[in-house]
Amino acid sequence: AALLTLTRNRGAATYAQTLQNIPETQVTTLENGLRVASEESNHPTCTVGVWIEAGSRYEDPKTNGAAFFVEHMALKGTKKRPGSAFEKEVESLGAHLNGYTSREQTAFYIKALSKDMPKAVELLSDLVQNCALEDSQIEKERVVILQELKEMDSNLADVTFDYLHATAYQGTSLAHTVEGTTDNIKRMTRGDLASYVDTHFKAPRMVLAAAGGISHKELVDAAKQHFTGAPFTSKGDSVPALKRCRFTGSEIRARDDGLPLAHIALAVEGPGWADPDNVVLNVANAIIGRYDRTFGGGKNQSSKLATLAVEHNLCHSFEPFNTCYSDTGLFGFHFVSDPLSVDDMMFCAQGEWMRLCTSTTESEVTRAKNYLRNAMVAQLDGTTRVCENIGSHLLHYGRRIPLEEWDARISAVDAKMVRDVCSKYIYDKCPAIAAVGPIEQLLDYNRLRSAMYWVRL
């Protein structure tokens, strides 16, 4: 018993100690502008990736979908490793290769044994420098992407958020979908894809990030050896300034009474990545909480909106969101409900927003801050999540913000800050609304706009 107690005490660490013991993120900028960043640990595996400041926001209406198409092509072979040779070399390491494209960034990453880190860097450099873009492979991927677009149309949550961006940022590049349009994919040429790569895959716009059982010095040495091709021979052009994407309070409604459930998203303009108000808004979202019918707890959940949803059968699920971009964002909520519950659910959700602006309590903020701390730490479980955190932070903030600093920012939030910041972004603001499905009961825009403030006598 004494031995068990000793072992238990030795393994215990306070939350503050845990934050302080997280390894330091080391960052080195090469002569060509490539940023190399890593977090060393004792993991037997590592994740190495390239994060690029490129995505659908950098496209115009005619080239929308190029970034997504390039992501597909990059994983299908290079000039040095044509066809399936690239995939076979990754598989021979027992590694996992993946990538994704968003509105403001593109990423490719490999998870492998720590000893294979130099090889992973070589493969990534070949991928971003020497993408083959073979005509035969382009035609094959064109068919694959068109099929993916059809499948995406059946995901009503994704469709709703695409509509939300289209109405909130109409006429700007943020209104584009990440995947592009069917017409664009059908007529996209090799020249379009090559032009996109040549324009955006530049060293100053990239971060080579790694996490796991690796040495930062070895990572830098590997980067100097392999990231030396045509896009990396010099610092190249500076990152072009993005055009301001102006937010518009408006709506898109896609009514289809043949669908069983309605998807509704409502948002106001939020701050960009680097704005300190984001911490307060994330606390506010934690107060609202999230709900799904599959959750336990019933009426005993801490979220007031979840309690109302259970008591009055308002919805199947709801979730708040705070989607950030470099200079703007969307702060809002999305819910799925039966056709006859749309009005009641919207009334309760907007009422909860007004309560955040006027009567948030300290006890709610304390609970929300604890939830946010837990979610923050949970997001860094494993080398892949840590690697993604490093890469995206350097693109968004120019540095990796340590957990200890995040914790200090969260701790500084109080109820008055939540009321003030929510009033700044929510109270009496024109929202953007997207609705899909059987939405006959959704009130007209002016009625929904009038619920964005309370008349107080």
Protein backbone atom coordinates (compact mmCIF):
# COMPACT_ATOMS: atom_id res chain seq x y z
CA ALA A 1 0.00 0.00 0.00
CA ALA A 2 2.85 2.37 0.85
CA LEU A 3 4.50 1.63 -2.51
CA LEU A 4 1.26 2.33 -4.38
CA THR A 5 0.84 5.64 -2.53
CA LEU A 6 4.43 6.62 -3.32
CA THR A 7 3.98 5.81 -7.02
CA ARG A 8 0.70 7.68 -7.18
CA ASN A 9 2.12 10.78 -5.54
CA ARG A 10 5.21 10.74 -7.73
CA GLY A 11 3.09 10.62 -10.89
CA ALA A 12 0.76 13.41 -9.81
CA ALA A 13 1.28 16.90 -11.22
CA THR A 14 -0.78 20.03 -10.93
CA TYR A 15 -2.37 21.63 -13.97
CA ALA A 16 0.07 24.56 -13.73
CA GLN A 17 3.07 22.22 -13.55
CA THR A 18 1.85 20.35 -16.58
CA LEU A 19 1.63 23.57 -18.58
CA GLN A 20 5.14 24.60 -17.54
CA ASN A 21 6.60 21.20 -18.44
CA ILE A 22 5.45 21.25 -22.07
CA PRO A 23 8.55 21.26 -24.31
CA GLU A 24 9.52 24.55 -25.89
CA THR A 25 8.72 25.12 -29.55
CA GLN A 26 11.91 25.88 -31.45
CA VAL A 27 11.68 27.98 -34.62
CA THR A 28 14.39 28.61 -37.24
CA THR A 29 13.93 30.72 -40.36
CA LEU A 30 16.07 29.66 -43.32
CA GLU A 31 17.66 32.12 -45.74
CA ASN A 32 14.95 31.48 -48.32
CA GLY A 33 12.19 32.42 -45.83
CA LEU A 34 11.04 28.90 -44.93
CA ARG A 35 10.15 28.63 -41.26
CA VAL A 36 11.16 25.38 -39.55
CA ALA A 37 9.48 24.68 -36.20
CA SER A 38 9.42 21.68 -33.89
CA GLU A 39 8.50 20.38 -30.46
CA GLU A 40 10.71 17.58 -29.21
CA SER A 41 9.36 14.80 -26.98
CA ASN A 42 10.12 11.18 -26.13
CA HIS A 43 7.56 9.74 -28.55
CA PRO A 44 8.82 6.83 -30.70
CA THR A 45 6.94 8.37 -33.63
CA CYS A 46 6.84 11.81 -35.18
CA THR A 47 4.62 13.86 -37.44
CA VAL A 48 6.23 16.14 -40.04
CA GLY A 49 4.20 18.44 -42.22
CA VAL A 50 4.21 21.46 -44.51
CA TRP A 51 1.63 24.17 -43.85
CA ILE A 52 1.14 26.60 -46.73
CA GLU A 53 -0.59 29.96 -46.76
CA ALA A 54 -2.84 29.05 -49.67
CA GLY A 55 -6.46 28.04 -50.06
CA SER A 56 -9.74 28.91 -51.71
CA ARG A 57 -9.53 32.52 -50.47
CA TYR A 58 -6.60 33.03 -52.84
CA GLU A 59 -8.66 31.98 -55.85
CA ASP A 60 -10.95 33.94 -58.17
CA PRO A 61 -14.34 32.74 -59.44
CA LYS A 62 -12.74 31.11 -62.50
CA THR A 63 -10.01 29.24 -60.58
CA ASN A 64 -12.07 28.33 -57.50
CA GLY A 65 -11.28 24.70 -56.74
CA ALA A 66 -7.64 24.82 -57.87
CA ALA A 67 -6.24 24.43 -54.33
CA PHE A 68 -8.43 21.38 -53.69
CA PHE A 69 -7.50 19.90 -57.08
CA VAL A 70 -3.77 20.46 -56.39
CA GLU A 71 -4.12 18.73 -53.00
CA HIS A 72 -5.49 15.66 -54.79
CA MET A 73 -2.75 15.74 -57.42
CA ALA A 74 0.09 16.25 -54.92
CA LEU A 75 -0.67 12.87 -53.34
CA LYS A 76 -0.60 11.08 -56.72
CA GLY A 77 3.09 11.17 -57.55
CA THR A 78 5.92 13.56 -58.35
CA LYS A 79 8.35 14.03 -61.21
CA LYS A 80 10.95 12.00 -59.29
CA ARG A 81 8.45 9.42 -58.02
CA PRO A 82 5.79 9.09 -60.75
CA GLY A 83 2.48 7.29 -60.35
CA SER A 84 2.19 4.97 -57.40
CA ALA A 85 5.94 5.06 -56.64
CA PHE A 86 5.39 7.92 -54.19
CA GLU A 87 2.66 6.04 -52.29
CA LYS A 88 4.74 2.85 -52.21
CA GLU A 89 7.73 4.68 -50.75
CA VAL A 90 5.55 6.13 -48.00
CA GLU A 91 4.07 2.70 -47.30
CA SER A 92 7.54 1.11 -47.19
CA LEU A 93 8.24 3.29 -44.14
CA GLY A 94 5.02 2.13 -42.49
CA ALA A 95 4.06 5.82 -42.54
CA HIS A 96 0.76 7.63 -43.00
CA LEU A 97 0.45 10.48 -45.52
CA ASN A 98 -2.45 12.91 -45.56
CA GLY A 99 -3.38 16.44 -46.55
CA TYR A 100 -6.21 18.95 -46.43
CA THR A 101 -7.25 22.28 -47.89
CA SER A 102 -9.20 25.06 -46.18
CA ARG A 103 -10.08 28.61 -47.11
CA GLU A 104 -6.73 30.03 -45.97
CA GLN A 105 -4.29 27.14 -45.76
CA THR A 106 -3.17 23.89 -47.36
CA ALA A 107 -1.30 21.17 -45.48
CA PHE A 108 0.50 17.91 -46.19
CA TYR A 109 1.85 15.77 -43.36
CA ILE A 110 3.44 12.38 -42.73
CA LYS A 111 3.31 10.37 -39.50
CA ALA A 112 6.25 7.97 -39.25
CA LEU A 113 8.80 6.47 -36.90
CA SER A 114 11.07 9.12 -35.40
CA LYS A 115 14.15 7.62 -37.07
CA ASP A 116 12.54 8.17 -40.48
CA MET A 117 12.08 11.93 -40.01
CA PRO A 118 14.77 12.89 -42.60
CA LYS A 119 13.10 10.66 -45.19
CA ALA A 120 9.72 12.21 -44.39
CA VAL A 121 11.16 15.69 -44.97
CA GLU A 122 12.58 14.55 -48.30
CA LEU A 123 9.22 13.15 -49.40
CA LEU A 124 7.38 16.33 -48.37
CA SER A 125 9.86 18.53 -50.21
CA ASP A 126 9.44 16.42 -53.35
CA LEU A 127 5.67 16.63 -52.99
CA VAL A 128 5.50 20.45 -52.86
CA GLN A 129 8.33 21.12 -55.34
CA ASN A 130 7.85 18.48 -58.01
CA CYS A 131 4.16 17.68 -58.24
CA ALA A 132 3.88 15.74 -61.52
CA LEU A 133 0.49 17.07 -62.70
CA GLU A 134 0.36 14.39 -65.42
CA ASP A 135 -2.51 14.85 -67.86
CA SER A 136 -3.70 11.24 -67.48
CA GLN A 137 -3.71 11.53 -63.70
CA ILE A 138 -5.51 14.88 -63.87
CA GLU A 139 -8.36 13.25 -65.80
CA LYS A 140 -8.60 10.42 -63.26
CA GLU A 141 -8.69 12.84 -60.32
CA ARG A 142 -11.23 15.02 -62.12
CA VAL A 143 -13.67 12.10 -62.05
CA VAL A 144 -12.88 11.44 -58.37
CA ILE A 145 -13.42 15.08 -57.37
CA LEU A 146 -16.70 15.35 -59.28
CA GLN A 147 -17.93 12.28 -57.43
CA GLU A 148 -16.83 13.83 -54.13
CA LEU A 149 -18.79 16.98 -54.93
CA LYS A 150 -21.93 14.91 -55.44
CA GLU A 151 -21.40 13.20 -52.10
CA MET A 152 -20.77 16.53 -50.36
CA ASP A 153 -24.14 17.80 -51.54
CA SER A 154 -25.77 15.18 -49.32
CA ASN A 155 -24.01 16.52 -46.21
CA LEU A 156 -26.49 19.23 -45.30
CA ALA A 157 -24.39 20.62 -42.47
CA ASP A 158 -21.51 21.35 -44.88
CA VAL A 159 -23.93 22.73 -47.46
CA THR A 160 -25.41 25.07 -44.84
CA PHE A 161 -21.98 26.43 -43.87
CA ASP A 162 -21.06 26.96 -47.52
CA TYR A 163 -24.27 28.93 -47.95
CA LEU A 164 -23.46 30.88 -44.78
CA HIS A 165 -20.09 31.95 -46.22
CA ALA A 166 -21.72 32.74 -49.56
CA THR A 167 -24.24 35.13 -48.02
CA ALA A 168 -21.99 36.59 -45.31
CA TYR A 169 -19.12 37.37 -47.69
CA GLN A 170 -21.00 37.68 -50.97
CA GLY A 171 -18.91 38.97 -53.85
CA THR A 172 -15.61 38.21 -52.08
CA SER A 173 -13.15 35.33 -52.12
CA LEU A 174 -14.37 34.00 -48.75
CA ALA A 175 -17.70 33.24 -50.39
CA HIS A 176 -16.00 30.51 -52.45
CA THR A 177 -16.35 26.89 -51.41
CA VAL A 178 -13.10 25.06 -50.71
CA GLU A 179 -13.88 22.34 -53.24
CA GLY A 180 -14.88 24.66 -56.07
CA THR A 181 -17.81 24.37 -58.46
CA THR A 182 -18.62 21.46 -60.74
CA ASP A 183 -18.16 23.63 -63.83
CA ASN A 184 -14.73 24.80 -62.66
CA ILE A 185 -13.54 21.26 -61.94
CA LYS A 186 -14.72 20.10 -65.36
CA ARG A 187 -12.74 22.77 -67.22
CA MET A 188 -9.66 23.01 -64.94
CA THR A 189 -6.49 22.50 -67.02
CA ARG A 190 -2.95 21.49 -66.18
CA GLY A 191 -1.91 25.09 -66.82
CA ASP A 192 -4.37 26.34 -64.18
CA LEU A 193 -2.99 23.93 -61.57
CA ALA A 194 0.65 24.65 -62.44
CA SER A 195 0.00 28.39 -62.23
CA TYR A 196 -1.56 28.00 -58.80
CA VAL A 197 1.43 26.00 -57.50
CA ASP A 198 3.96 28.43 -58.98
CA THR A 199 2.16 31.40 -57.45
CA HIS A 200 1.49 30.13 -53.93
CA PHE A 201 3.95 27.35 -53.07
CA LYS A 202 6.75 29.72 -52.02
CA ALA A 203 9.14 29.37 -49.08
CA PRO A 204 8.04 32.54 -47.19
CA ARG A 205 4.48 31.24 -47.26
CA MET A 206 5.37 27.84 -45.80
CA VAL A 207 6.05 26.32 -42.40
CA LEU A 208 7.82 22.99 -42.01
CA ALA A 209 6.56 21.71 -38.66
CA ALA A 210 7.41 18.56 -36.70
CA ALA A 211 6.50 17.01 -33.35
CA GLY A 212 7.64 13.85 -31.60
CA GLY A 213 10.94 12.11 -30.97
CA ILE A 214 13.00 14.30 -33.29
CA SER A 215 15.89 16.74 -33.02
CA HIS A 216 15.32 20.32 -34.11
CA LYS A 217 18.87 20.53 -35.45
CA GLU A 218 18.35 17.41 -37.58
CA LEU A 219 15.06 18.83 -38.84
CA VAL A 220 16.74 22.09 -39.85
CA ASP A 221 19.59 20.20 -41.54
CA ALA A 222 17.08 18.09 -43.50
CA ALA A 223 15.15 21.21 -44.52
CA LYS A 224 18.34 22.90 -45.75
CA GLN A 225 19.19 19.80 -47.76
CA HIS A 226 15.83 19.18 -49.41
CA PHE A 227 13.88 22.45 -49.54
CA THR A 228 16.24 23.96 -52.09
CA GLY A 229 14.41 23.56 -55.40
CA ALA A 230 13.04 26.26 -57.68
CA PRO A 231 10.40 27.61 -55.26
CA PHE A 232 12.97 27.80 -52.46
CA THR A 233 16.11 29.24 -54.06
CA SER A 234 15.38 32.73 -52.75
CA LYS A 235 12.95 34.56 -50.53
CA GLY A 236 10.85 35.27 -53.59
CA ASP A 237 7.91 37.60 -53.58
CA SER A 238 6.37 38.76 -50.34
CA VAL A 239 2.97 37.40 -49.44
CA PRO A 240 0.37 39.41 -51.39
CA ALA A 241 -2.03 41.42 -49.27
CA LEU A 242 -5.45 39.85 -49.07
CA LYS A 243 -8.42 41.96 -50.06
CA ARG A 244 -10.73 42.77 -47.18
CA CYS A 245 -13.74 40.47 -47.25
CA ARG A 246 -16.60 42.65 -46.10
CA PHE A 247 -19.31 40.97 -43.99
CA THR A 248 -22.91 41.44 -45.11
CA GLY A 249 -25.99 40.85 -42.99
CA SER A 250 -28.18 38.80 -45.32
CA GLU A 251 -29.61 35.34 -45.84
CA ILE A 252 -29.82 32.33 -48.12
CA ARG A 253 -32.80 29.98 -47.91
CA ALA A 254 -32.89 26.65 -49.74
CA ARG A 255 -36.32 25.29 -48.93
CA ASP A 256 -36.94 21.60 -49.58
CA ASP A 257 -39.96 20.17 -47.79
CA GLY A 258 -38.99 16.69 -48.93
CA LEU A 259 -36.12 16.61 -46.42
CA PRO A 260 -36.86 15.34 -42.91
CA LEU A 261 -34.86 17.94 -40.92
CA ALA A 262 -34.02 21.62 -41.17
CA HIS A 263 -30.45 22.91 -40.90
CA ILE A 264 -30.13 26.51 -39.72
CA ALA A 265 -26.95 28.55 -39.19
CA LEU A 266 -26.90 32.13 -37.91
CA ALA A 267 -23.73 34.20 -37.49
CA VAL A 268 -22.46 37.71 -36.90
CA GLU A 269 -19.06 39.01 -37.94
CA GLY A 270 -16.37 37.86 -35.52
CA PRO A 271 -12.73 38.89 -35.11
CA GLY A 272 -9.69 37.59 -36.99
CA TRP A 273 -7.24 35.05 -35.61
CA ALA A 274 -4.96 37.45 -33.73
CA ASP A 275 -7.69 39.42 -31.96
CA PRO A 276 -7.67 38.86 -28.17
CA ASP A 277 -11.48 38.98 -28.14
CA ASN A 278 -11.45 35.40 -29.46
CA VAL A 279 -10.63 34.03 -26.01
CA VAL A 280 -13.69 35.75 -24.53
CA LEU A 281 -15.92 34.60 -27.38
CA ASN A 282 -14.72 31.02 -26.92
CA VAL A 283 -15.67 31.26 -23.25
CA ALA A 284 -19.09 32.55 -24.34
CA ASN A 285 -19.52 29.57 -26.65
CA ALA A 286 -18.58 27.24 -23.79
CA ILE A 287 -21.38 28.84 -21.74
CA ILE A 288 -23.87 28.14 -24.53
CA GLY A 289 -22.57 24.57 -24.76
CA ARG A 290 -23.50 22.00 -27.34
CA TYR A 291 -26.16 19.32 -27.48
CA ASP A 292 -27.06 16.16 -29.34
CA ARG A 293 -29.93 13.78 -28.65
CA THR A 294 -27.41 10.99 -28.19
CA PHE A 295 -25.88 12.81 -25.19
CA GLY A 296 -26.72 11.72 -21.66
CA GLY A 297 -27.68 14.12 -18.90
CA GLY A 298 -31.15 15.06 -20.05
CA LYS A 299 -32.52 18.09 -18.22
CA ASN A 300 -29.56 18.13 -15.81
CA GLN A 301 -27.04 19.59 -18.27
CA SER A 302 -25.25 22.77 -17.28
CA SER A 303 -26.07 24.48 -20.58
CA LYS A 304 -29.33 26.41 -20.27
CA LEU A 305 -29.99 26.08 -23.99
CA ALA A 306 -29.43 22.31 -23.83
CA THR A 307 -31.88 22.09 -20.92
CA LEU A 308 -34.51 23.96 -22.94
CA ALA A 309 -33.85 21.73 -25.96
CA VAL A 310 -34.49 18.61 -23.86
CA GLU A 311 -37.53 19.95 -22.00
CA HIS A 312 -39.32 21.23 -25.10
CA ASN A 313 -37.91 18.87 -27.75
CA LEU A 314 -36.55 21.84 -29.69
CA CYS A 315 -33.88 20.23 -31.83
CA HIS A 316 -31.86 17.14 -32.68
CA SER A 317 -28.57 18.96 -32.10
CA PHE A 318 -27.01 22.40 -31.83
CA GLU A 319 -23.45 23.70 -31.68
CA PRO A 320 -21.93 27.19 -31.46
CA PHE A 321 -18.90 28.06 -33.60
CA ASN A 322 -16.23 30.71 -33.87
CA THR A 323 -14.64 30.40 -37.32
CA CYS A 324 -11.65 32.71 -37.70
CA TYR A 325 -9.77 34.01 -40.73
CA SER A 326 -6.86 36.41 -40.98
CA ASP A 327 -8.95 39.58 -40.82
CA THR A 328 -12.52 38.52 -40.06
CA GLY A 329 -14.58 35.63 -38.75
CA LEU A 330 -18.00 34.07 -38.26
CA PHE A 331 -19.36 33.80 -34.72
CA GLY A 332 -22.63 31.94 -34.50
CA PHE A 333 -24.57 28.74 -33.94
CA HIS A 334 -25.93 25.88 -36.06
CA PHE A 335 -28.85 23.63 -35.20
CA VAL A 336 -30.79 20.75 -36.72
CA SER A 337 -34.48 20.50 -35.90
CA ASP A 338 -37.85 19.14 -36.95
CA PRO A 339 -39.83 21.44 -39.27
CA LEU A 340 -42.31 22.47 -36.56
CA SER A 341 -39.61 23.34 -34.01
CA VAL A 342 -37.57 25.79 -36.08
CA ASP A 343 -39.20 28.96 -34.75
CA ASP A 344 -39.03 27.90 -31.09
CA MET A 345 -35.39 26.80 -31.33
CA MET A 346 -34.34 30.04 -33.05
CA PHE A 347 -36.20 32.07 -30.40
CA CYS A 348 -34.41 30.25 -27.56
CA ALA A 349 -30.99 30.42 -29.23
CA GLN A 350 -31.22 34.14 -29.92
CA GLY A 351 -32.52 34.65 -26.39
CA GLU A 352 -29.43 32.89 -25.06
CA TRP A 353 -27.27 35.29 -27.08
CA MET A 354 -29.08 38.25 -25.54
CA ARG A 355 -28.58 36.77 -22.08
CA LEU A 356 -24.83 36.52 -22.75
CA CYS A 357 -24.82 40.23 -23.57
CA THR A 358 -26.81 41.33 -20.54
CA SER A 359 -26.77 38.88 -17.64
CA THR A 360 -23.87 36.40 -17.79
CA THR A 361 -22.93 35.23 -14.27
CA GLU A 362 -19.54 34.51 -12.72
CA SER A 363 -20.46 30.90 -11.97
CA GLU A 364 -21.21 30.27 -15.65
CA VAL A 365 -17.91 31.85 -16.67
CA THR A 366 -15.96 29.73 -14.16
CA ARG A 367 -17.51 26.54 -15.51
CA ALA A 368 -16.92 27.60 -19.10
CA LYS A 369 -13.27 28.44 -18.44
CA ASN A 370 -12.67 24.99 -16.96
CA TYR A 371 -14.31 23.38 -19.97
CA LEU A 372 -12.19 25.48 -22.31
CA ARG A 373 -8.97 24.55 -20.50
CA ASN A 374 -9.81 20.86 -20.79
CA ALA A 375 -10.64 21.16 -24.49
CA MET A 376 -7.44 23.12 -25.11
CA VAL A 377 -5.24 20.43 -23.59
CA ALA A 378 -7.19 17.57 -25.22
CA GLN A 379 -6.55 19.07 -28.67
CA LEU A 380 -2.82 18.46 -28.23
CA ASP A 381 -3.06 14.72 -27.65
CA GLY A 382 -0.63 13.04 -30.06
CA THR A 383 2.11 14.20 -32.39
CA THR A 384 -0.20 14.90 -35.32
CA ARG A 385 -2.35 17.36 -33.40
CA VAL A 386 0.73 19.05 -31.94
CA CYS A 387 2.31 19.31 -35.38
CA GLU A 388 -0.85 20.84 -36.84
CA ASN A 389 -1.03 23.26 -33.91
CA ILE A 390 2.55 24.40 -34.58
CA GLY A 391 2.07 24.83 -38.32
CA SER A 392 -1.24 26.66 -38.15
CA HIS A 393 -0.10 28.92 -35.28
CA LEU A 394 2.93 30.12 -37.22
CA LEU A 395 0.70 30.95 -40.18
CA HIS A 396 -2.00 32.63 -38.09
CA TYR A 397 0.00 34.38 -35.37
CA GLY A 398 3.59 34.36 -36.60
CA ARG A 399 4.56 32.31 -33.54
CA ARG A 400 3.31 29.38 -31.53
CA ILE A 401 1.39 30.58 -28.50
CA PRO A 402 2.24 28.30 -25.53
CA LEU A 403 -0.52 26.70 -23.45
CA GLU A 404 0.64 28.61 -20.40
CA GLU A 405 -0.13 31.88 -22.19
CA TRP A 406 -3.52 30.60 -23.36
CA ASP A 407 -4.30 29.58 -19.79
CA ALA A 408 -3.39 33.05 -18.51
CA ARG A 409 -5.68 34.65 -21.10
CA ILE A 410 -8.54 32.34 -20.15
CA SER A 411 -8.01 33.01 -16.44
CA ALA A 412 -8.30 36.77 -17.02
CA VAL A 413 -11.84 36.46 -18.40
CA ASP A 414 -14.69 37.43 -16.08
CA ALA A 415 -18.44 37.87 -16.47
CA LYS A 416 -18.19 41.58 -17.28
CA MET A 417 -15.72 40.87 -20.10
CA VAL A 418 -18.10 38.28 -21.55
CA ARG A 419 -21.02 40.72 -21.40
CA ASP A 420 -18.99 43.55 -22.95
CA VAL A 421 -17.40 41.52 -25.75
CA CYS A 422 -20.64 39.73 -26.65
CA SER A 423 -22.40 43.09 -26.78
CA LYS A 424 -19.66 44.36 -29.08
CA TYR A 425 -20.14 41.57 -31.63
CA ILE A 426 -23.74 40.40 -31.14
CA TYR A 427 -26.02 43.06 -29.70
CA ASP A 428 -28.05 44.91 -32.35
CA LYS A 429 -25.94 43.52 -35.19
CA CYS A 430 -27.22 42.34 -38.57
CA PRO A 431 -26.71 38.56 -38.81
CA ALA A 432 -26.02 36.30 -41.77
CA ILE A 433 -28.41 33.36 -42.01
CA ALA A 434 -28.32 30.14 -44.01
CA ALA A 435 -31.18 27.66 -43.94
CA VAL A 436 -31.65 24.35 -45.77
CA GLY A 437 -34.54 21.88 -45.76
CA PRO A 438 -38.16 22.20 -44.53
CA ILE A 439 -37.80 25.80 -43.30
CA GLU A 440 -41.31 27.19 -43.85
CA GLN A 441 -41.51 28.06 -40.15
CA LEU A 442 -38.32 30.16 -40.18
CA LEU A 443 -39.40 33.77 -39.65
CA ASP A 444 -38.54 36.44 -42.21
CA TYR A 445 -35.19 38.23 -41.95
CA ASN A 446 -36.55 41.41 -40.35
CA ARG A 447 -38.16 39.45 -37.52
CA LEU A 448 -34.92 37.57 -36.88
CA ARG A 449 -32.99 40.85 -37.01
CA SER A 450 -35.33 42.36 -34.41
CA ALA A 451 -34.43 39.52 -32.01
CA MET A 452 -30.82 40.72 -31.97
CA TYR A 453 -31.65 43.20 -29.19
CA TRP A 454 -33.97 43.48 -26.20
CA VAL A 455 -36.23 46.45 -25.63
CA ARG A 456 -35.55 47.43 -22.04
CA LEU A 457 -37.78 49.89 -20.19
